[in-house]
Amino acid sequence: ALPRTFVDEVDGGWEVGVDVSNVYRDTIRISLPADDRLVIKGTGRTCDGWGRCRRADLDKAYRLPDDAVLENITFRYELGGRQLVVSIPKLSAAGEEEEAAAVDFAAAVPDADGKGGCRASEVEASTAEAQRQAELEQENARRAEQARRQREWEELQEERSLERIRRERENVAARRRALEVEHLREHERRQVNANRYRRHHPQQQQQQQ
């Protein structure tokens, strides 16, 4: 499955999903400003098939419903850390009566199965291993692309070398045929000259006989 960005209503609340496959894990921030918005930010990079990379910042903001219980918001990672899912419970589902307000998240590092809780102003999902893994995948993709381009270049050079050899052989054969034709013409000219000489000097021919 591929990571995706979504907002789904589920039993007891909502879930917000964000594709973070190109975002460094230790730069991801989840915050709740005073205007009842869920803000998700992070820094990363993307690379194309030619190994060229550029900065790709994550900046998402979602307006939260009035009955969202901000204090019980949790998050988890799925798809090997490429998908961030934030769970927002409803007021009725959580059994809370106090008014929803902007609160601080507690920083929480995901556990082994990719889940984590939060209760303070900012969630710092910092897992250096995931960042290194993402960089390693990008580096492997870049090297694979370079290797492919190198193979294509070598194949092209080999084709050009074979073409040069073929042309050289054709040129040698053409020169050989031209020399044979010239030799045949020279032989014919000598034969014609000899016949002319015999016709114009019959006495010398008889004396030689």
Protein backbone atom coordinates (compact mmCIF):
# COMPACT_ATOMS: atom_id res chain seq x y z
CA ALA A 1 0.00 0.00 0.00
CA LEU A 2 1.07 3.54 -0.68
CA PRO A 3 0.86 6.36 1.86
CA ARG A 4 -1.89 8.92 1.28
CA THR A 5 -3.34 12.10 2.72
CA PHE A 6 -6.89 11.81 4.06
CA VAL A 7 -9.42 12.91 6.67
CA ASP A 8 -11.83 10.14 7.72
CA GLU A 9 -14.58 10.02 10.28
CA VAL A 10 -14.36 6.85 12.35
CA ASP A 11 -16.15 5.43 15.38
CA GLY A 12 -15.63 7.88 18.20
CA GLY A 13 -13.87 10.60 16.24
CA TRP A 14 -11.76 11.35 13.22
CA GLU A 15 -8.46 10.31 11.70
CA VAL A 16 -6.11 12.54 9.73
CA GLY A 17 -3.53 10.80 7.55
CA VAL A 18 -0.47 12.46 6.04
CA ASP A 19 2.13 11.06 3.66
CA VAL A 20 5.50 11.58 5.38
CA SER A 21 7.58 9.23 3.23
CA ASN A 22 9.84 12.12 2.11
CA VAL A 23 9.92 13.94 5.47
CA TYR A 24 12.67 13.59 8.05
CA ARG A 25 11.08 12.03 11.12
CA ASP A 26 12.85 14.24 13.65
CA THR A 27 11.52 17.40 11.97
CA ILE A 28 7.83 16.46 12.16
CA ARG A 29 5.82 18.77 14.43
CA ILE A 30 2.15 18.45 15.37
CA SER A 31 0.71 21.50 17.10
CA LEU A 32 -2.61 23.05 18.10
CA PRO A 33 -2.65 26.84 17.77
CA ALA A 34 -5.26 28.87 19.62
CA ASP A 35 -7.66 28.87 16.66
CA ASP A 36 -8.57 25.19 17.00
CA ARG A 37 -6.49 24.01 14.07
CA LEU A 38 -4.40 20.90 13.78
CA VAL A 39 -1.07 21.86 12.18
CA ILE A 40 1.43 19.31 10.92
CA LYS A 41 4.83 20.50 9.69
CA GLY A 42 8.11 18.92 8.72
CA THR A 43 11.13 19.17 6.47
CA GLY A 44 12.28 16.65 3.90
CA ARG A 45 13.43 16.24 0.34
CA THR A 46 12.43 14.48 -2.84
CA CYS A 47 14.63 13.09 -5.61
CA ASP A 48 13.80 12.45 -9.24
CA GLY A 49 14.92 9.57 -11.42
CA TRP A 50 18.15 11.38 -12.33
CA GLY A 51 19.32 11.64 -8.72
CA ARG A 52 18.50 15.35 -8.46
CA CYS A 53 17.05 16.23 -5.06
CA ARG A 54 15.21 19.27 -3.78
CA ARG A 55 13.76 20.39 -0.46
CA ALA A 56 10.17 19.35 0.19
CA ASP A 57 8.52 20.90 3.24
CA LEU A 58 5.38 19.49 4.84
CA ASP A 59 2.84 22.10 5.99
CA LYS A 60 -0.73 20.90 6.62
CA ALA A 61 -3.47 22.61 8.62
CA TYR A 62 -6.92 21.21 9.47
CA ARG A 63 -9.85 22.97 11.15
CA LEU A 64 -11.00 20.88 14.11
CA PRO A 65 -14.69 20.35 14.95
CA ASP A 66 -16.16 21.92 18.08
CA ASP A 67 -16.67 18.54 19.73
CA ALA A 68 -13.05 17.40 19.27
CA VAL A 69 -11.25 16.44 22.49
CA LEU A 70 -7.82 17.87 21.96
CA GLU A 71 -6.36 16.49 25.17
CA ASN A 72 -6.84 12.91 24.01
CA ILE A 73 -5.36 13.24 20.55
CA THR A 74 -2.95 10.43 19.69
CA PHE A 75 -0.83 9.55 16.67
CA ARG A 76 0.80 6.52 15.12
CA TYR A 77 2.94 5.58 12.15
CA GLU A 78 1.94 3.04 9.54
CA LEU A 79 3.41 1.57 6.35
CA GLY A 80 6.90 1.39 7.77
CA GLY A 81 6.88 4.97 9.00
CA ARG A 82 5.75 6.47 5.71
CA GLN A 83 2.20 7.25 6.90
CA LEU A 84 1.41 9.47 9.90
CA VAL A 85 -2.10 9.01 11.32
CA VAL A 86 -3.47 11.42 13.93
CA SER A 87 -6.55 10.22 15.88
CA ILE A 88 -8.92 12.90 17.21
CA PRO A 89 -11.66 11.68 19.59
CA LYS A 90 -15.10 13.25 19.84
CA LEU A 91 -16.29 14.94 23.02
CA SER A 92 -19.14 12.50 23.51
CA ALA A 93 -17.01 9.47 22.81
CA ALA A 94 -14.39 10.52 25.32
CA GLY A 95 -16.94 11.41 28.01
CA GLU A 96 -15.44 14.86 28.40
CA GLU A 97 -17.56 17.87 29.40
CA GLU A 98 -14.94 20.62 29.42
CA GLU A 99 -14.68 22.96 26.47
CA ALA A 100 -12.11 22.03 23.83
CA ALA A 101 -9.17 24.41 23.91
CA ALA A 102 -5.69 24.70 22.51
CA VAL A 103 -3.53 22.49 24.72
CA ASP A 104 -0.02 21.23 24.67
CA PHE A 105 0.90 17.79 23.46
CA ALA A 106 3.34 15.54 25.30
CA ALA A 107 6.17 14.50 23.08
CA ALA A 108 5.96 10.80 22.46
CA VAL A 109 8.27 8.54 20.47
CA PRO A 110 6.47 5.69 18.67
CA ASP A 111 6.96 2.27 20.14
CA ALA A 112 7.90 -0.90 18.24
CA ASP A 113 4.50 -1.27 16.53
CA GLY A 114 4.48 2.37 15.37
CA LYS A 115 1.98 3.71 17.92
CA GLY A 116 2.39 6.59 20.31
CA GLY A 117 0.42 8.87 22.59
CA CYS A 118 0.71 12.59 23.09
CA ARG A 119 -0.14 15.20 25.75
CA ALA A 120 1.91 18.41 25.35
CA SER A 121 2.14 21.34 22.84
CA GLU A 122 4.15 19.65 20.13
CA VAL A 123 4.66 16.10 19.00
CA GLU A 124 8.24 15.45 17.94
CA ALA A 125 8.16 12.14 16.18
CA SER A 126 11.89 11.69 16.21
CA THR A 127 13.22 8.38 15.00
CA ALA A 128 16.65 8.74 13.48
CA GLU A 129 16.51 5.22 12.11
CA ALA A 130 13.54 6.06 9.89
CA GLN A 131 15.36 9.13 8.59
CA ARG A 132 18.48 7.11 7.84
CA GLN A 133 16.36 4.47 6.15
CA ALA A 134 14.69 7.09 3.94
CA GLU A 135 18.06 8.58 3.02
CA LEU A 136 19.44 5.11 2.32
CA GLU A 137 16.52 4.32 0.01
CA GLN A 138 17.03 7.58 -1.85
CA GLU A 139 20.75 6.92 -2.13
CA ASN A 140 20.13 3.39 -3.40
CA ALA A 141 17.67 4.74 -5.96
CA ARG A 142 20.21 7.34 -7.08
CA ARG A 143 22.96 4.73 -7.42
CA ALA A 144 20.64 2.37 -9.28
CA GLU A 145 19.78 5.15 -11.72
CA GLN A 146 23.45 6.00 -12.19
CA ALA A 147 24.26 2.33 -12.80
CA ARG A 148 21.46 2.10 -15.36
CA ARG A 149 22.69 5.19 -17.17
CA GLN A 150 26.26 3.82 -17.08
CA ARG A 151 25.08 0.54 -18.63
CA GLU A 152 23.21 2.42 -21.35
CA TRP A 153 26.30 4.53 -22.07
CA GLU A 154 28.53 1.43 -22.27
CA GLU A 155 26.05 -0.32 -24.56
CA LEU A 156 25.95 2.78 -26.78
CA GLN A 157 29.75 2.90 -26.88
CA GLU A 158 29.89 -0.78 -27.76
CA GLU A 159 27.37 -0.27 -30.58
CA ARG A 160 29.39 2.65 -31.89
CA SER A 161 32.59 0.61 -31.71
CA LEU A 162 31.00 -2.25 -33.63
CA GLU A 163 29.68 0.22 -36.20
CA ARG A 164 33.18 1.68 -36.66
CA ILE A 165 34.65 -1.79 -37.14
CA ARG A 166 31.96 -2.64 -39.69
CA ARG A 167 32.62 0.55 -41.62
CA GLU A 168 36.38 0.00 -41.56
CA ARG A 169 35.93 -3.50 -42.94
CA GLU A 170 33.66 -2.17 -45.67
CA ASN A 171 36.22 0.51 -46.54
CA VAL A 172 39.02 -2.09 -46.71
CA ALA A 173 36.92 -4.31 -48.96
CA ALA A 174 36.04 -1.34 -51.18
CA ARG A 175 39.70 -0.33 -51.52
CA ARG A 176 40.63 -3.92 -52.34
CA ARG A 177 37.99 -4.08 -55.08
CA ALA A 178 39.18 -0.74 -56.45
CA LEU A 179 42.77 -2.03 -56.61
CA GLU A 180 41.65 -5.17 -58.39
CA VAL A 181 39.72 -3.13 -60.93
CA GLU A 182 42.71 -0.84 -61.46
CA HIS A 183 45.01 -3.82 -61.88
CA LEU A 184 42.65 -5.35 -64.45
CA ARG A 185 42.47 -2.08 -66.38
CA GLU A 186 46.24 -1.75 -66.34
CA HIS A 187 46.55 -5.28 -67.71
CA GLU A 188 44.04 -4.46 -70.45
CA ARG A 189 45.93 -1.27 -71.37
CA ARG A 190 49.19 -3.18 -71.68
CA GLN A 191 47.51 -5.78 -73.81
CA VAL A 192 46.08 -3.11 -76.12
CA ASN A 193 49.45 -1.39 -76.41
CA ALA A 194 51.15 -4.67 -77.23
CA ASN A 195 48.65 -5.41 -80.00
CA ARG A 196 49.11 -1.96 -81.49
CA TYR A 197 52.85 -2.36 -81.46
CA ARG A 198 52.64 -5.68 -83.29
CA ARG A 199 50.37 -4.19 -85.96
CA HIS A 200 52.66 -1.23 -86.62
CA HIS A 201 55.94 -3.17 -86.52
CA PRO A 202 55.32 -6.46 -88.28
CA GLN A 203 58.92 -6.71 -89.56
CA GLN A 204 60.38 -6.58 -86.09
CA GLN A 205 57.91 -9.23 -85.08
CA GLN A 206 59.04 -11.48 -87.96
CA GLN A 207 62.70 -10.90 -87.12
CA GLN A 208 62.08 -11.87 -83.55
CA GLN A 209 60.44 -15.06 -84.78
